[in-house]
Amino acid sequence: MTSVLQILLLILDIVQWIIIAHIIMSWLINFQVLNLRQPLVAQIWDGINRLLDPVYSRVRSVLPNLGGLDLAPLVVLLGVYALRIILINNAALFL
């Protein structure tokens, strides 16, 4: 059963890095370091958005409107960290 725990932790790690890549890429696009007219950048951006938009849209429906500030990635990232802590603290159940 520890393999199940390790697989779940691996999935959470992958999700964490995808969210961090999305945050960094959005900053680089907003500061015009990356250009969405470049095909590779546009494909990566579109792929990451397709992966994360279903999760972000559910979080955005709960959060209040803060104008141009989007806290959905931060909330989802905190949720991933919380799930990771819960799994690690309850690792004895997987043994």
N, C-alpha and C. Protein backbone atom coordinates (compact mmCIF):
# COMPACT_ATOMS: atom_id res chain seq x y z
N MET A 1 0.80 -1.20 0.00
CA MET A 1 0.00 0.00 0.00
C MET A 1 0.85 1.27 0.00
N THR A 2 2.12 1.14 0.38
CA THR A 2 2.96 2.34 0.33
C THR A 2 3.16 2.82 -1.10
N SER A 3 3.04 1.89 -2.04
CA SER A 3 3.17 2.31 -3.44
C SER A 3 2.02 3.23 -3.84
N VAL A 4 0.83 3.00 -3.28
CA VAL A 4 -0.30 3.89 -3.55
C VAL A 4 0.00 5.28 -3.02
N LEU A 5 0.54 5.35 -1.82
CA LEU A 5 0.92 6.64 -1.24
C LEU A 5 1.96 7.33 -2.10
N GLN A 6 2.96 6.59 -2.56
CA GLN A 6 4.00 7.18 -3.39
C GLN A 6 3.45 7.67 -4.71
N ILE A 7 2.51 6.94 -5.30
CA ILE A 7 1.90 7.37 -6.56
C ILE A 7 1.09 8.64 -6.35
N LEU A 8 0.33 8.70 -5.25
CA LEU A 8 -0.45 9.91 -4.96
C LEU A 8 0.45 11.11 -4.73
N LEU A 9 1.55 10.91 -4.02
CA LEU A 9 2.48 12.01 -3.79
C LEU A 9 3.16 12.45 -5.08
N LEU A 10 3.45 11.49 -5.97
CA LEU A 10 4.03 11.83 -7.27
C LEU A 10 3.05 12.66 -8.10
N ILE A 11 1.78 12.28 -8.10
CA ILE A 11 0.77 13.03 -8.84
C ILE A 11 0.65 14.45 -8.28
N LEU A 12 0.67 14.58 -6.96
CA LEU A 12 0.60 15.92 -6.35
C LEU A 12 1.83 16.74 -6.69
N ASP A 13 3.00 16.12 -6.76
CA ASP A 13 4.21 16.83 -7.17
C ASP A 13 4.11 17.34 -8.60
N ILE A 14 3.59 16.51 -9.49
CA ILE A 14 3.44 16.91 -10.89
C ILE A 14 2.46 18.08 -11.00
N VAL A 15 1.34 17.99 -10.28
CA VAL A 15 0.36 19.08 -10.30
C VAL A 15 0.97 20.36 -9.75
N GLN A 16 1.74 20.22 -8.69
CA GLN A 16 2.40 21.40 -8.10
C GLN A 16 3.32 22.08 -9.12
N TRP A 17 4.12 21.32 -9.85
CA TRP A 17 5.05 21.91 -10.81
C TRP A 17 4.32 22.49 -12.01
N ILE A 18 3.20 21.89 -12.41
CA ILE A 18 2.41 22.46 -13.51
C ILE A 18 1.83 23.81 -13.10
N ILE A 19 1.33 23.90 -11.87
CA ILE A 19 0.79 25.18 -11.39
C ILE A 19 1.88 26.24 -11.30
N ILE A 20 3.04 25.87 -10.79
CA ILE A 20 4.15 26.83 -10.70
C ILE A 20 4.58 27.27 -12.09
N ALA A 21 4.65 26.34 -13.04
CA ALA A 21 5.00 26.71 -14.42
C ALA A 21 3.96 27.66 -15.01
N HIS A 22 2.68 27.43 -14.70
CA HIS A 22 1.62 28.30 -15.19
C HIS A 22 1.75 29.71 -14.61
N ILE A 23 2.06 29.79 -13.33
CA ILE A 23 2.22 31.10 -12.69
C ILE A 23 3.39 31.86 -13.29
N ILE A 24 4.53 31.20 -13.42
CA ILE A 24 5.72 31.85 -13.98
C ILE A 24 5.49 32.24 -15.43
N MET A 25 4.86 31.36 -16.19
CA MET A 25 4.62 31.67 -17.60
C MET A 25 3.65 32.85 -17.74
N SER A 26 2.65 32.93 -16.87
CA SER A 26 1.72 34.07 -16.95
C SER A 26 2.43 35.37 -16.64
N TRP A 27 3.37 35.36 -15.69
CA TRP A 27 4.15 36.56 -15.41
C TRP A 27 4.99 36.95 -16.62
N LEU A 28 5.65 35.97 -17.22
CA LEU A 28 6.51 36.25 -18.37
C LEU A 28 5.71 36.77 -19.56
N ILE A 29 4.50 36.27 -19.72
CA ILE A 29 3.64 36.76 -20.81
C ILE A 29 3.17 38.19 -20.51
N ASN A 30 2.78 38.45 -19.27
CA ASN A 30 2.30 39.78 -18.91
C ASN A 30 3.40 40.84 -18.98
N PHE A 31 4.64 40.45 -18.68
CA PHE A 31 5.75 41.39 -18.77
C PHE A 31 6.40 41.38 -20.15
N GLN A 32 5.77 40.72 -21.10
CA GLN A 32 6.16 40.66 -22.50
C GLN A 32 7.56 40.10 -22.71
N VAL A 33 7.94 39.17 -21.85
CA VAL A 33 9.18 38.43 -22.07
C VAL A 33 8.90 37.29 -23.05
N LEU A 34 7.74 36.67 -22.90
CA LEU A 34 7.28 35.64 -23.84
C LEU A 34 6.18 36.23 -24.71
N ASN A 35 6.14 35.80 -25.95
CA ASN A 35 5.17 36.30 -26.90
C ASN A 35 4.27 35.14 -27.32
N LEU A 36 2.95 35.31 -27.20
CA LEU A 36 2.02 34.26 -27.57
C LEU A 36 1.91 34.06 -29.07
N ARG A 37 2.54 34.92 -29.86
CA ARG A 37 2.55 34.72 -31.32
C ARG A 37 3.56 33.67 -31.74
N GLN A 38 4.45 33.30 -30.84
CA GLN A 38 5.37 32.21 -31.12
C GLN A 38 4.61 30.89 -30.97
N PRO A 39 4.68 30.00 -31.96
CA PRO A 39 3.86 28.79 -31.93
C PRO A 39 4.12 27.88 -30.73
N LEU A 40 5.38 27.69 -30.35
CA LEU A 40 5.68 26.81 -29.23
C LEU A 40 5.14 27.38 -27.92
N VAL A 41 5.33 28.66 -27.71
CA VAL A 41 4.83 29.31 -26.49
C VAL A 41 3.31 29.24 -26.45
N ALA A 42 2.66 29.48 -27.59
CA ALA A 42 1.20 29.43 -27.64
C ALA A 42 0.68 28.02 -27.36
N GLN A 43 1.35 27.00 -27.87
CA GLN A 43 0.92 25.62 -27.64
C GLN A 43 1.09 25.22 -26.17
N ILE A 44 2.21 25.58 -25.58
CA ILE A 44 2.43 25.26 -24.17
C ILE A 44 1.43 25.99 -23.29
N TRP A 45 1.20 27.27 -23.57
CA TRP A 45 0.25 28.07 -22.80
C TRP A 45 -1.16 27.50 -22.93
N ASP A 46 -1.55 27.14 -24.14
CA ASP A 46 -2.88 26.58 -24.35
C ASP A 46 -3.04 25.24 -23.64
N GLY A 47 -2.00 24.41 -23.68
CA GLY A 47 -2.06 23.11 -23.01
C GLY A 47 -2.18 23.23 -21.50
N ILE A 48 -1.37 24.12 -20.93
CA ILE A 48 -1.44 24.32 -19.47
C ILE A 48 -2.78 24.90 -19.08
N ASN A 49 -3.30 25.84 -19.87
CA ASN A 49 -4.61 26.42 -19.56
C ASN A 49 -5.71 25.37 -19.64
N ARG A 50 -5.65 24.48 -20.62
CA ARG A 50 -6.66 23.43 -20.74
C ARG A 50 -6.61 22.47 -19.56
N LEU A 51 -5.42 22.24 -19.03
CA LEU A 51 -5.30 21.37 -17.86
C LEU A 51 -5.84 22.03 -16.59
N LEU A 52 -5.55 23.30 -16.42
CA LEU A 52 -5.84 23.95 -15.14
C LEU A 52 -7.15 24.73 -15.10
N ASP A 53 -7.71 25.11 -16.24
CA ASP A 53 -8.93 25.91 -16.22
C ASP A 53 -10.12 25.23 -15.54
N PRO A 54 -10.33 23.92 -15.68
CA PRO A 54 -11.46 23.32 -14.94
C PRO A 54 -11.32 23.47 -13.42
N VAL A 55 -10.11 23.36 -12.91
CA VAL A 55 -9.89 23.50 -11.47
C VAL A 55 -9.99 24.97 -11.07
N TYR A 56 -9.35 25.83 -11.85
CA TYR A 56 -9.38 27.26 -11.53
C TYR A 56 -10.80 27.83 -11.60
N SER A 57 -11.60 27.39 -12.54
CA SER A 57 -12.95 27.95 -12.68
C SER A 57 -13.81 27.62 -11.46
N ARG A 58 -13.62 26.43 -10.89
CA ARG A 58 -14.37 26.09 -9.68
C ARG A 58 -13.94 26.95 -8.50
N VAL A 59 -12.65 27.21 -8.40
CA VAL A 59 -12.14 28.04 -7.31
C VAL A 59 -12.56 29.49 -7.52
N ARG A 60 -12.51 29.97 -8.76
CA ARG A 60 -12.90 31.36 -9.05
C ARG A 60 -14.37 31.61 -8.76
N SER A 61 -15.22 30.58 -8.88
CA SER A 61 -16.65 30.77 -8.60
C SER A 61 -16.88 30.98 -7.11
N VAL A 62 -15.96 30.53 -6.27
CA VAL A 62 -16.10 30.69 -4.82
C VAL A 62 -15.44 31.98 -4.34
N LEU A 63 -14.32 32.36 -4.95
CA LEU A 63 -13.59 33.55 -4.53
C LEU A 63 -14.31 34.82 -4.94
N PRO A 64 -14.18 35.89 -4.15
CA PRO A 64 -14.77 37.17 -4.56
C PRO A 64 -13.97 37.78 -5.71
N ASN A 65 -14.61 38.65 -6.45
CA ASN A 65 -13.97 39.32 -7.58
C ASN A 65 -13.02 40.40 -7.04
N LEU A 66 -11.76 40.26 -7.37
CA LEU A 66 -10.75 41.20 -6.89
C LEU A 66 -10.20 42.06 -8.02
N GLY A 67 -10.95 42.22 -9.07
CA GLY A 67 -10.49 43.01 -10.20
C GLY A 67 -9.52 42.22 -11.04
N GLY A 68 -8.32 42.75 -11.22
CA GLY A 68 -7.33 42.08 -12.05
C GLY A 68 -6.48 41.07 -11.30
N LEU A 69 -6.71 40.88 -10.02
CA LEU A 69 -5.91 39.97 -9.21
C LEU A 69 -6.59 38.60 -9.17
N ASP A 70 -5.89 37.58 -9.64
CA ASP A 70 -6.43 36.23 -9.68
C ASP A 70 -5.73 35.38 -8.62
N LEU A 71 -6.47 35.01 -7.59
CA LEU A 71 -5.90 34.22 -6.51
C LEU A 71 -6.17 32.73 -6.66
N ALA A 72 -6.82 32.31 -7.73
CA ALA A 72 -7.15 30.90 -7.93
C ALA A 72 -5.91 30.01 -7.96
N PRO A 73 -4.82 30.38 -8.67
CA PRO A 73 -3.64 29.51 -8.63
C PRO A 73 -3.05 29.35 -7.23
N LEU A 74 -3.06 30.42 -6.46
CA LEU A 74 -2.54 30.36 -5.10
C LEU A 74 -3.40 29.44 -4.23
N VAL A 75 -4.71 29.53 -4.35
CA VAL A 75 -5.61 28.70 -3.56
C VAL A 75 -5.45 27.23 -3.94
N VAL A 76 -5.35 26.96 -5.24
CA VAL A 76 -5.18 25.57 -5.68
C VAL A 76 -3.82 25.03 -5.22
N LEU A 77 -2.78 25.84 -5.29
CA LEU A 77 -1.46 25.41 -4.84
C LEU A 77 -1.47 25.13 -3.34
N LEU A 78 -2.13 25.96 -2.57
CA LEU A 78 -2.25 25.70 -1.13
C LEU A 78 -3.04 24.42 -0.87
N GLY A 79 -4.06 24.16 -1.70
CA GLY A 79 -4.82 22.92 -1.57
C GLY A 79 -3.96 21.69 -1.86
N VAL A 80 -3.09 21.79 -2.86
CA VAL A 80 -2.18 20.69 -3.17
C VAL A 80 -1.22 20.45 -2.01
N TYR A 81 -0.69 21.53 -1.42
CA TYR A 81 0.20 21.40 -0.27
C TYR A 81 -0.55 20.77 0.91
N ALA A 82 -1.80 21.19 1.12
CA ALA A 82 -2.58 20.64 2.23
C ALA A 82 -2.84 19.15 2.02
N LEU A 83 -3.18 18.75 0.80
CA LEU A 83 -3.38 17.32 0.52
C LEU A 83 -2.11 16.53 0.75
N ARG A 84 -0.99 17.10 0.37
CA ARG A 84 0.30 16.43 0.57
C ARG A 84 0.59 16.24 2.06
N ILE A 85 0.32 17.25 2.86
CA ILE A 85 0.54 17.15 4.31
C ILE A 85 -0.39 16.11 4.92
N ILE A 86 -1.65 16.10 4.49
CA ILE A 86 -2.61 15.12 5.01
C ILE A 86 -2.16 13.70 4.66
N LEU A 87 -1.71 13.49 3.43
CA LEU A 87 -1.26 12.16 3.04
C LEU A 87 -0.02 11.72 3.81
N ILE A 88 0.92 12.62 4.00
CA ILE A 88 2.14 12.26 4.72
C ILE A 88 1.85 11.99 6.19
N ASN A 89 1.00 12.80 6.80
CA ASN A 89 0.67 12.60 8.21
C ASN A 89 -0.13 11.32 8.45
N ASN A 90 -0.86 10.87 7.45
CA ASN A 90 -1.66 9.65 7.57
C ASN A 90 -1.02 8.50 6.80
N ALA A 91 0.28 8.52 6.64
CA ALA A 91 0.97 7.47 5.91
C ALA A 91 0.86 6.12 6.59
N ALA A 92 0.63 6.10 7.90
CA ALA A 92 0.50 4.84 8.63
C ALA A 92 -0.72 4.05 8.15
N LEU A 93 -1.71 4.73 7.63
CA LEU A 93 -2.89 4.02 7.11
C LEU A 93 -2.59 3.24 5.84
N PHE A 94 -1.53 3.64 5.13
CA PHE A 94 -1.17 2.98 3.89
C PHE A 94 -0.24 1.78 4.10
N LEU A 95 0.23 1.59 5.32
CA LEU A 95 1.15 0.48 5.60
C LEU A 95 0.43 -0.81 5.88
